[in-house]
Amino acid sequence: MKILLTGFDPFGDDKINPSIVLVKKVEEKIEKNQIFKVEIPTKFEKSGEILEENIKKIRPDVILCIGQAGGRSAISVERIAINIDDARISDNDGKKPIDEKIRIDGENAYFSNLPIKKIVEEIEKEKIPAEISNSAGTFVCNHLMYEALYLAKKYKNIRAGFIHIPYLPEQVINKTNTPSMDLENSLKAINIAIKTIINYDGEDLKISGGKIS
């Protein structure tokens, strides 16, 4: 199995992005499955272009995108990506789209086809906080997840999804009351997610992952 694993470069006021720091530390092979690691720029247009270039080159069986979710305290396994870019801040190209569709010919939304609830269950077994997230935002993370699922359909027989990780502790030194997670636990969680994707090919668990608000 070939797994395309992506992380983002830093954006906004942050000097580091834990997603690419983590991705670089993932082993090249996990249970004899090849891991292809790609750094994605935090740029709306370019992110999808680079993803597609790598899909054409690698022909992966799985695409797993990792992103930073400042303010979240748990590993957030994303359920859905929506067909909209609506930026509160500019991307690394200075672009700030408002209410723009990602793909004119795409669906309003695409659901991850990874076993998201099984992933959460396996991560929680290791006493690492994890949850199903029902919103990947409307910035470049959502954009890339949408592109991954759109392209998974285009190139066929690809499973795809997105996981958000919290800030690293060093990112929140001057951010009062902002949660973080150390790199060791985030890395452990992503390794668990990858192993779950590799080994679990049945229907996802029929357990609640919903929220009241």
Protein backbone atom coordinates (compact mmCIF):
# COMPACT_ATOMS: atom_id res chain seq x y z
CA MET A 1 0.00 0.00 0.00
CA LYS A 2 1.18 3.52 -0.81
CA ILE A 3 0.19 6.30 1.58
CA LEU A 4 0.55 9.97 0.67
CA LEU A 5 1.01 11.93 3.89
CA THR A 6 0.92 15.73 3.79
CA GLY A 7 1.67 18.57 6.22
CA PHE A 8 1.57 22.36 5.86
CA ASP A 9 4.23 25.03 6.10
CA PRO A 10 3.82 27.77 8.76
CA PHE A 11 1.22 30.49 8.20
CA GLY A 12 -0.13 33.60 9.88
CA ASP A 13 1.93 34.65 12.90
CA ASP A 14 3.29 31.16 13.57
CA LYS A 15 6.95 30.41 12.89
CA ILE A 16 6.40 26.65 12.86
CA ASN A 17 3.58 24.37 11.79
CA PRO A 18 3.33 21.18 13.86
CA SER A 19 1.77 19.28 10.96
CA ILE A 20 4.90 19.31 8.80
CA VAL A 21 7.18 18.89 11.83
CA LEU A 22 5.22 15.73 12.62
CA VAL A 23 5.03 14.45 9.04
CA LYS A 24 8.81 14.64 8.69
CA LYS A 25 9.17 12.38 11.75
CA VAL A 26 6.90 9.61 10.46
CA GLU A 27 8.81 6.52 9.34
CA GLU A 28 9.29 5.88 5.61
CA LYS A 29 7.62 2.49 5.99
CA ILE A 30 4.91 1.37 8.39
CA GLU A 31 4.17 -2.35 8.46
CA LYS A 32 5.83 -2.69 5.01
CA ASN A 33 3.60 0.04 3.57
CA GLN A 34 5.36 2.94 1.86
CA ILE A 35 4.86 6.46 3.23
CA PHE A 36 5.34 9.36 0.81
CA LYS A 37 5.71 12.66 2.65
CA VAL A 38 4.88 16.00 1.01
CA GLU A 39 5.00 19.55 2.36
CA ILE A 40 2.01 21.57 1.18
CA PRO A 41 2.15 25.38 1.03
CA THR A 42 -0.60 27.17 2.95
CA LYS A 43 -1.92 28.63 -0.29
CA PHE A 44 -5.42 28.01 -1.58
CA GLU A 45 -4.67 27.47 -5.27
CA LYS A 46 -1.21 25.95 -4.97
CA SER A 47 -2.19 23.40 -2.31
CA GLY A 48 -4.53 21.50 -4.63
CA GLU A 49 -2.11 21.73 -7.56
CA ILE A 50 0.74 20.19 -5.58
CA LEU A 51 -1.54 17.50 -4.18
CA GLU A 52 -2.68 16.48 -7.67
CA GLU A 53 0.89 16.48 -9.00
CA ASN A 54 1.84 14.02 -6.28
CA ILE A 55 -1.23 11.86 -6.83
CA LYS A 56 -0.28 11.54 -10.50
CA LYS A 57 3.33 10.69 -9.61
CA ILE A 58 2.75 8.36 -6.65
CA ARG A 59 -0.68 6.87 -7.42
CA PRO A 60 -1.41 6.40 -3.70
CA ASP A 61 -3.96 4.07 -2.18
CA VAL A 62 -4.51 6.49 0.71
CA ILE A 63 -4.19 10.25 1.15
CA LEU A 64 -3.91 11.45 4.74
CA CYS A 65 -3.56 15.21 5.20
CA ILE A 66 -2.44 16.69 8.52
CA GLY A 67 -3.06 20.28 9.60
CA GLN A 68 -2.74 22.59 12.59
CA ALA A 69 -5.86 23.52 14.54
CA GLY A 70 -4.90 26.25 16.99
CA GLY A 71 -7.25 26.29 19.98
CA ARG A 72 -8.21 22.61 19.84
CA SER A 73 -7.10 20.32 22.65
CA ALA A 74 -7.56 16.93 20.96
CA ILE A 75 -6.57 15.09 17.82
CA SER A 76 -9.45 16.01 15.50
CA VAL A 77 -10.36 13.45 12.86
CA GLU A 78 -12.34 15.35 10.26
CA ARG A 79 -15.64 13.98 8.98
CA ILE A 80 -16.45 16.39 6.13
CA ALA A 81 -15.03 19.01 3.76
CA ILE A 82 -17.27 21.69 2.23
CA ASN A 83 -17.02 23.34 -1.17
CA ILE A 84 -16.23 26.86 0.03
CA ASP A 85 -13.23 29.08 0.69
CA ASP A 86 -14.00 31.84 3.19
CA ALA A 87 -10.80 33.21 4.70
CA ARG A 88 -10.52 35.23 7.89
CA ILE A 89 -6.80 35.80 7.23
CA SER A 90 -4.72 35.79 4.04
CA ASP A 91 -2.95 32.66 2.89
CA ASN A 92 0.79 32.63 2.22
CA ASP A 93 0.16 34.09 -1.23
CA GLY A 94 -1.75 37.03 0.23
CA LYS A 95 -5.03 35.60 -1.09
CA LYS A 96 -8.17 36.01 1.00
CA PRO A 97 -11.11 34.46 -0.87
CA ILE A 98 -14.60 35.08 0.45
CA ASP A 99 -17.47 32.70 -0.32
CA GLU A 100 -15.68 31.19 -3.32
CA LYS A 101 -16.34 27.63 -4.49
CA ILE A 102 -13.34 25.31 -4.51
CA ARG A 103 -14.58 23.27 -7.48
CA ILE A 104 -17.41 24.48 -9.71
CA ASP A 105 -18.10 20.89 -10.80
CA GLY A 106 -17.75 19.46 -7.29
CA GLU A 107 -20.35 18.39 -4.76
CA ASN A 108 -21.37 20.77 -1.98
CA ALA A 109 -19.46 18.53 0.42
CA TYR A 110 -17.50 15.29 0.57
CA PHE A 111 -17.24 12.92 3.52
CA SER A 112 -13.97 11.27 4.49
CA ASN A 113 -13.93 7.62 3.43
CA LEU A 114 -11.48 6.65 6.16
CA PRO A 115 -12.65 4.72 9.27
CA ILE A 116 -12.78 7.93 11.30
CA LYS A 117 -14.54 6.50 14.37
CA LYS A 118 -12.25 3.50 14.53
CA ILE A 119 -9.26 5.86 14.32
CA VAL A 120 -10.57 7.91 17.25
CA GLU A 121 -11.23 4.76 19.29
CA GLU A 122 -7.71 3.43 18.69
CA ILE A 123 -6.07 6.75 19.59
CA GLU A 124 -8.12 7.03 22.79
CA LYS A 125 -7.00 3.53 23.83
CA GLU A 126 -3.53 5.08 24.22
CA LYS A 127 -4.93 7.80 26.53
CA ILE A 128 -4.49 10.51 23.91
CA PRO A 129 -7.45 12.92 23.55
CA ALA A 130 -9.19 12.44 20.19
CA GLU A 131 -12.52 13.36 18.66
CA ILE A 132 -14.58 13.44 15.49
CA SER A 133 -14.66 16.97 14.09
CA ASN A 134 -17.59 18.06 11.94
CA SER A 135 -15.88 21.15 10.57
CA ALA A 136 -12.44 21.52 9.01
CA GLY A 137 -12.99 25.28 8.88
CA THR A 138 -13.05 27.32 5.67
CA PHE A 139 -9.33 28.06 5.34
CA VAL A 140 -6.66 26.07 3.47
CA CYS A 141 -7.12 22.91 5.59
CA ASN A 142 -10.72 22.50 4.46
CA HIS A 143 -9.65 23.44 0.93
CA LEU A 144 -7.02 20.68 0.85
CA MET A 145 -9.33 18.08 2.39
CA TYR A 146 -11.97 18.93 -0.22
CA GLU A 147 -9.39 18.66 -3.00
CA ALA A 148 -8.14 15.32 -1.64
CA LEU A 149 -11.66 13.84 -1.67
CA TYR A 150 -12.51 15.36 -5.05
CA LEU A 151 -9.29 13.95 -6.54
CA ALA A 152 -9.82 10.60 -4.81
CA LYS A 153 -13.00 10.26 -6.86
CA LYS A 154 -11.31 11.51 -10.04
CA TYR A 155 -8.41 9.05 -9.83
CA LYS A 156 -10.56 6.28 -8.31
CA ASN A 157 -9.92 3.67 -5.61
CA ILE A 158 -8.26 6.14 -3.24
CA ARG A 159 -9.21 6.57 0.40
CA ALA A 160 -8.71 10.07 1.75
CA GLY A 161 -9.15 12.13 4.87
CA PHE A 162 -7.79 14.84 7.12
CA ILE A 163 -6.63 15.05 10.74
CA HIS A 164 -6.06 18.26 12.70
CA ILE A 165 -3.52 18.34 15.50
CA PRO A 166 -3.24 20.95 18.29
CA TYR A 167 -0.53 23.56 18.73
CA LEU A 168 2.82 22.44 20.11
CA PRO A 169 3.56 23.67 23.66
CA GLU A 170 6.19 26.14 22.39
CA GLN A 171 3.54 27.81 20.23
CA VAL A 172 1.33 28.76 23.16
CA ILE A 173 3.89 30.33 25.51
CA ASN A 174 2.38 33.76 24.87
CA LYS A 175 -1.17 32.52 24.14
CA THR A 176 -3.02 32.56 27.45
CA ASN A 177 -5.38 29.62 28.13
CA THR A 178 -4.66 28.05 24.73
CA PRO A 179 -4.40 24.24 24.69
CA SER A 180 -1.52 22.32 23.14
CA MET A 181 -0.20 18.78 22.72
CA ASP A 182 3.41 17.64 22.77
CA LEU A 183 4.87 16.33 19.53
CA GLU A 184 5.40 12.84 20.96
CA ASN A 185 1.68 12.30 21.57
CA SER A 186 0.63 13.88 18.27
CA LEU A 187 3.10 11.68 16.41
CA LYS A 188 1.93 8.62 18.30
CA ALA A 189 -1.68 9.44 17.38
CA ILE A 190 -0.90 9.83 13.67
CA ASN A 191 1.04 6.56 13.63
CA ILE A 192 -1.98 4.88 15.23
CA ALA A 193 -4.23 6.47 12.59
CA ILE A 194 -2.04 5.18 9.76
CA LYS A 195 -1.91 1.66 11.20
CA THR A 196 -5.69 1.69 11.65
CA ILE A 197 -6.19 2.73 8.01
CA ILE A 198 -3.84 -0.05 6.89
CA ASN A 199 -5.39 -2.80 8.99
CA TYR A 200 -9.07 -1.90 9.19
CA ASP A 201 -10.94 -2.37 5.90
CA GLY A 202 -14.47 -3.01 7.14
CA GLU A 203 -17.39 -0.71 7.78
CA ASP A 204 -16.62 2.07 10.22
CA LEU A 205 -17.81 1.65 13.80
CA LYS A 206 -21.48 2.36 14.47
CA ILE A 207 -20.89 4.44 17.57
CA SER A 208 -21.78 8.03 18.28
CA GLY A 209 -19.29 10.66 17.25
CA GLY A 210 -21.78 13.49 17.20
CA LYS A 211 -21.99 16.67 19.23
CA ILE A 212 -24.90 18.71 20.55
CA SER A 213 -23.31 22.01 19.49
